[in-house]
Amino acid sequence: MSRIDEEGVFLFREGRPAVREFSRKDRLALKFVFRDRKVQVSGVAIRDMRGGRGVGVQFKELEADSFKEIGDFVELLRGEGYVA
């Protein structure tokens, strides 16, 4: 993960790039884990780096509980100094 906030995330692949590229039609299920916290959200790919090296994902159709969970998760990462 390169960047995350309450609206979305940019995921960067280390090592060998993925063969698959994403389109805006793709619905992605994402799971983030940090220490003892787990958050599951869905989103759509809005930016794809050529060759599958990374993808920008905008969170979509989050229910109120999921929106709060991702907000709390981002605040946890901010508190630990991982997110500006």
N, C-alpha and C. Protein backbone atom coordinates (compact mmCIF):
# COMPACT_ATOMS: atom_id res chain seq x y z
N MET A 1 0.85 -1.16 0.00
CA MET A 1 0.00 0.00 0.00
C MET A 1 0.90 1.23 0.00
N SER A 2 0.63 2.11 -0.93
CA SER A 2 1.43 3.31 -1.04
C SER A 2 0.74 4.50 -0.38
N ARG A 3 -0.57 4.56 -0.50
CA ARG A 3 -1.32 5.68 0.07
C ARG A 3 -2.73 5.21 0.40
N ILE A 4 -3.29 5.75 1.50
CA ILE A 4 -4.66 5.43 1.87
C ILE A 4 -5.27 6.64 2.56
N ASP A 5 -6.54 6.88 2.29
CA ASP A 5 -7.32 7.84 3.04
C ASP A 5 -8.77 7.35 3.06
N GLU A 6 -9.67 8.19 3.52
CA GLU A 6 -11.06 7.76 3.67
C GLU A 6 -11.77 7.55 2.34
N GLU A 7 -11.19 8.03 1.25
CA GLU A 7 -11.83 7.91 -0.06
C GLU A 7 -11.28 6.79 -0.92
N GLY A 8 -10.05 6.36 -0.65
CA GLY A 8 -9.48 5.32 -1.49
C GLY A 8 -8.06 4.98 -1.10
N VAL A 9 -7.45 4.16 -1.96
CA VAL A 9 -6.11 3.65 -1.67
C VAL A 9 -5.37 3.45 -2.99
N PHE A 10 -4.04 3.60 -2.93
CA PHE A 10 -3.22 3.23 -4.08
C PHE A 10 -2.36 2.05 -3.66
N LEU A 11 -2.51 0.96 -4.38
CA LEU A 11 -1.76 -0.26 -4.10
C LEU A 11 -0.65 -0.41 -5.12
N PHE A 12 0.55 -0.65 -4.65
CA PHE A 12 1.71 -0.79 -5.52
C PHE A 12 2.25 -2.19 -5.34
N ARG A 13 2.50 -2.87 -6.44
CA ARG A 13 2.99 -4.24 -6.39
C ARG A 13 4.51 -4.25 -6.38
N GLU A 14 5.08 -4.88 -5.38
CA GLU A 14 6.53 -5.05 -5.32
C GLU A 14 6.92 -6.27 -6.12
N GLY A 15 8.11 -6.25 -6.64
CA GLY A 15 8.58 -7.41 -7.38
C GLY A 15 7.98 -7.46 -8.77
N ARG A 16 7.74 -8.65 -9.22
CA ARG A 16 7.25 -8.88 -10.58
C ARG A 16 5.83 -8.34 -10.76
N PRO A 17 5.61 -7.54 -11.79
CA PRO A 17 4.26 -6.99 -12.04
C PRO A 17 3.24 -8.08 -12.33
N ALA A 18 2.00 -7.77 -12.00
CA ALA A 18 0.90 -8.69 -12.29
C ALA A 18 0.60 -8.66 -13.79
N VAL A 19 0.12 -9.74 -14.30
CA VAL A 19 -0.26 -9.82 -15.70
C VAL A 19 -1.56 -9.07 -15.93
N ARG A 20 -2.44 -9.14 -14.97
CA ARG A 20 -3.78 -8.57 -15.11
C ARG A 20 -3.76 -7.06 -14.90
N GLU A 21 -4.51 -6.35 -15.73
CA GLU A 21 -4.74 -4.94 -15.54
C GLU A 21 -6.21 -4.75 -15.16
N PHE A 22 -6.54 -3.64 -14.53
CA PHE A 22 -7.89 -3.40 -14.05
C PHE A 22 -8.58 -2.35 -14.88
N SER A 23 -9.90 -2.41 -14.90
CA SER A 23 -10.70 -1.37 -15.56
C SER A 23 -11.68 -0.81 -14.53
N ARG A 24 -12.32 0.29 -14.90
CA ARG A 24 -13.28 0.92 -13.98
C ARG A 24 -14.51 0.06 -13.73
N LYS A 25 -14.70 -0.96 -14.52
CA LYS A 25 -15.84 -1.85 -14.34
C LYS A 25 -15.57 -2.90 -13.26
N ASP A 26 -14.31 -3.11 -12.94
CA ASP A 26 -13.95 -4.13 -11.96
C ASP A 26 -14.33 -3.69 -10.55
N ARG A 27 -15.08 -4.52 -9.86
CA ARG A 27 -15.42 -4.30 -8.45
C ARG A 27 -14.40 -5.11 -7.66
N LEU A 28 -13.67 -4.44 -6.79
CA LEU A 28 -12.61 -5.10 -6.03
C LEU A 28 -12.99 -5.22 -4.56
N ALA A 29 -12.78 -6.38 -3.99
CA ALA A 29 -12.96 -6.60 -2.56
C ALA A 29 -11.58 -6.48 -1.92
N LEU A 30 -11.46 -5.57 -0.96
CA LEU A 30 -10.18 -5.30 -0.32
C LEU A 30 -10.23 -5.61 1.16
N LYS A 31 -9.14 -6.13 1.67
CA LYS A 31 -9.04 -6.42 3.10
C LYS A 31 -7.71 -5.84 3.57
N PHE A 32 -7.78 -4.96 4.58
CA PHE A 32 -6.59 -4.35 5.15
C PHE A 32 -6.40 -4.85 6.58
N VAL A 33 -5.17 -5.17 6.91
CA VAL A 33 -4.85 -5.66 8.26
C VAL A 33 -3.67 -4.87 8.79
N PHE A 34 -3.80 -4.36 9.99
CA PHE A 34 -2.71 -3.68 10.68
C PHE A 34 -2.82 -4.03 12.15
N ARG A 35 -1.79 -4.72 12.63
CA ARG A 35 -1.79 -5.22 14.02
C ARG A 35 -3.05 -6.05 14.27
N ASP A 36 -3.89 -5.65 15.19
CA ASP A 36 -5.08 -6.46 15.48
C ASP A 36 -6.34 -5.95 14.79
N ARG A 37 -6.20 -4.95 13.91
CA ARG A 37 -7.36 -4.38 13.22
C ARG A 37 -7.49 -4.93 11.80
N LYS A 38 -8.71 -5.27 11.42
CA LYS A 38 -9.02 -5.74 10.07
C LYS A 38 -10.19 -4.92 9.53
N VAL A 39 -10.08 -4.52 8.27
CA VAL A 39 -11.15 -3.76 7.63
C VAL A 39 -11.37 -4.34 6.24
N GLN A 40 -12.64 -4.55 5.88
CA GLN A 40 -12.98 -5.03 4.55
C GLN A 40 -13.87 -4.00 3.88
N VAL A 41 -13.48 -3.61 2.66
CA VAL A 41 -14.24 -2.64 1.89
C VAL A 41 -14.26 -3.06 0.42
N SER A 42 -15.10 -2.41 -0.35
CA SER A 42 -15.11 -2.65 -1.80
C SER A 42 -14.84 -1.33 -2.51
N GLY A 43 -14.37 -1.45 -3.72
CA GLY A 43 -14.07 -0.25 -4.49
C GLY A 43 -13.95 -0.58 -5.96
N VAL A 44 -13.66 0.46 -6.73
CA VAL A 44 -13.45 0.31 -8.16
C VAL A 44 -12.08 0.88 -8.52
N ALA A 45 -11.46 0.26 -9.50
CA ALA A 45 -10.17 0.73 -9.98
C ALA A 45 -10.39 2.02 -10.77
N ILE A 46 -9.69 3.09 -10.38
CA ILE A 46 -9.83 4.34 -11.13
C ILE A 46 -8.53 4.71 -11.84
N ARG A 47 -7.44 4.09 -11.46
CA ARG A 47 -6.16 4.35 -12.11
C ARG A 47 -5.35 3.06 -12.09
N ASP A 48 -4.83 2.68 -13.25
CA ASP A 48 -4.05 1.45 -13.36
C ASP A 48 -2.71 1.79 -13.99
N MET A 49 -1.64 1.44 -13.30
CA MET A 49 -0.32 1.64 -13.89
C MET A 49 -0.08 0.55 -14.91
N ARG A 50 0.49 0.91 -16.01
CA ARG A 50 0.75 -0.07 -17.07
C ARG A 50 1.54 -1.24 -16.55
N GLY A 51 1.18 -2.39 -17.06
CA GLY A 51 1.89 -3.61 -16.69
C GLY A 51 1.51 -4.17 -15.34
N GLY A 52 0.45 -3.65 -14.73
CA GLY A 52 -0.01 -4.20 -13.46
C GLY A 52 0.87 -3.87 -12.28
N ARG A 53 1.64 -2.78 -12.35
CA ARG A 53 2.54 -2.42 -11.25
C ARG A 53 1.81 -1.78 -10.08
N GLY A 54 0.63 -1.24 -10.32
CA GLY A 54 -0.12 -0.62 -9.24
C GLY A 54 -1.51 -0.26 -9.70
N VAL A 55 -2.37 0.01 -8.73
CA VAL A 55 -3.75 0.36 -9.05
C VAL A 55 -4.28 1.32 -7.98
N GLY A 56 -4.96 2.37 -8.44
CA GLY A 56 -5.65 3.28 -7.54
C GLY A 56 -7.09 2.83 -7.42
N VAL A 57 -7.58 2.72 -6.20
CA VAL A 57 -8.93 2.21 -5.96
C VAL A 57 -9.71 3.25 -5.17
N GLN A 58 -10.90 3.57 -5.66
CA GLN A 58 -11.80 4.45 -4.94
C GLN A 58 -12.83 3.59 -4.23
N PHE A 59 -12.99 3.81 -2.93
CA PHE A 59 -13.98 3.06 -2.17
C PHE A 59 -15.37 3.45 -2.67
N LYS A 60 -16.23 2.45 -2.86
CA LYS A 60 -17.57 2.69 -3.40
C LYS A 60 -18.62 1.97 -2.57
N GLU A 61 -19.78 2.59 -2.52
CA GLU A 61 -20.96 2.00 -1.89
C GLU A 61 -20.68 1.47 -0.50
N LEU A 62 -20.00 2.28 0.30
CA LEU A 62 -19.73 1.87 1.68
C LEU A 62 -20.94 2.17 2.54
N GLU A 63 -21.32 1.20 3.33
CA GLU A 63 -22.37 1.43 4.31
C GLU A 63 -21.79 2.30 5.41
N ALA A 64 -22.65 2.88 6.23
CA ALA A 64 -22.19 3.80 7.28
C ALA A 64 -21.16 3.13 8.20
N ASP A 65 -21.39 1.88 8.56
CA ASP A 65 -20.45 1.18 9.44
C ASP A 65 -19.09 0.98 8.77
N SER A 66 -19.10 0.62 7.50
CA SER A 66 -17.85 0.42 6.77
C SER A 66 -17.10 1.74 6.60
N PHE A 67 -17.84 2.83 6.35
CA PHE A 67 -17.22 4.14 6.21
C PHE A 67 -16.54 4.53 7.52
N LYS A 68 -17.21 4.27 8.63
CA LYS A 68 -16.61 4.57 9.94
C LYS A 68 -15.40 3.69 10.20
N GLU A 69 -15.48 2.42 9.85
CA GLU A 69 -14.36 1.50 10.06
C GLU A 69 -13.13 1.93 9.27
N ILE A 70 -13.31 2.33 8.00
CA ILE A 70 -12.15 2.74 7.21
C ILE A 70 -11.60 4.06 7.75
N GLY A 71 -12.47 4.95 8.20
CA GLY A 71 -12.01 6.20 8.81
C GLY A 71 -11.20 5.94 10.08
N ASP A 72 -11.69 5.04 10.93
CA ASP A 72 -10.97 4.68 12.15
C ASP A 72 -9.63 4.02 11.82
N PHE A 73 -9.62 3.19 10.78
CA PHE A 73 -8.40 2.50 10.36
C PHE A 73 -7.36 3.51 9.89
N VAL A 74 -7.79 4.48 9.09
CA VAL A 74 -6.87 5.51 8.60
C VAL A 74 -6.34 6.33 9.76
N GLU A 75 -7.19 6.66 10.72
CA GLU A 75 -6.74 7.42 11.90
C GLU A 75 -5.73 6.62 12.72
N LEU A 76 -5.93 5.32 12.81
CA LEU A 76 -4.96 4.46 13.50
C LEU A 76 -3.60 4.55 12.81
N LEU A 77 -3.60 4.46 11.48
CA LEU A 77 -2.36 4.55 10.72
C LEU A 77 -1.72 5.94 10.88
N ARG A 78 -2.55 6.99 10.91
CA ARG A 78 -2.03 8.35 11.12
C ARG A 78 -1.37 8.45 12.49
N GLY A 79 -2.03 7.91 13.49
CA GLY A 79 -1.50 7.95 14.85
C GLY A 79 -0.16 7.24 14.98
N GLU A 80 0.05 6.21 14.15
CA GLU A 80 1.30 5.47 14.18
C GLU A 80 2.35 6.10 13.26
N GLY A 81 1.97 7.15 12.52
CA GLY A 81 2.91 7.84 11.66
C GLY A 81 3.05 7.28 10.25
N TYR A 82 2.14 6.38 9.85
CA TYR A 82 2.21 5.79 8.52
C TYR A 82 1.47 6.59 7.47
N VAL A 83 0.52 7.43 7.86
CA VAL A 83 -0.27 8.22 6.93
C VAL A 83 -0.15 9.67 7.36
N ALA A 84 0.06 10.54 6.38
CA ALA A 84 0.19 11.99 6.67
C ALA A 84 -1.16 12.64 6.76
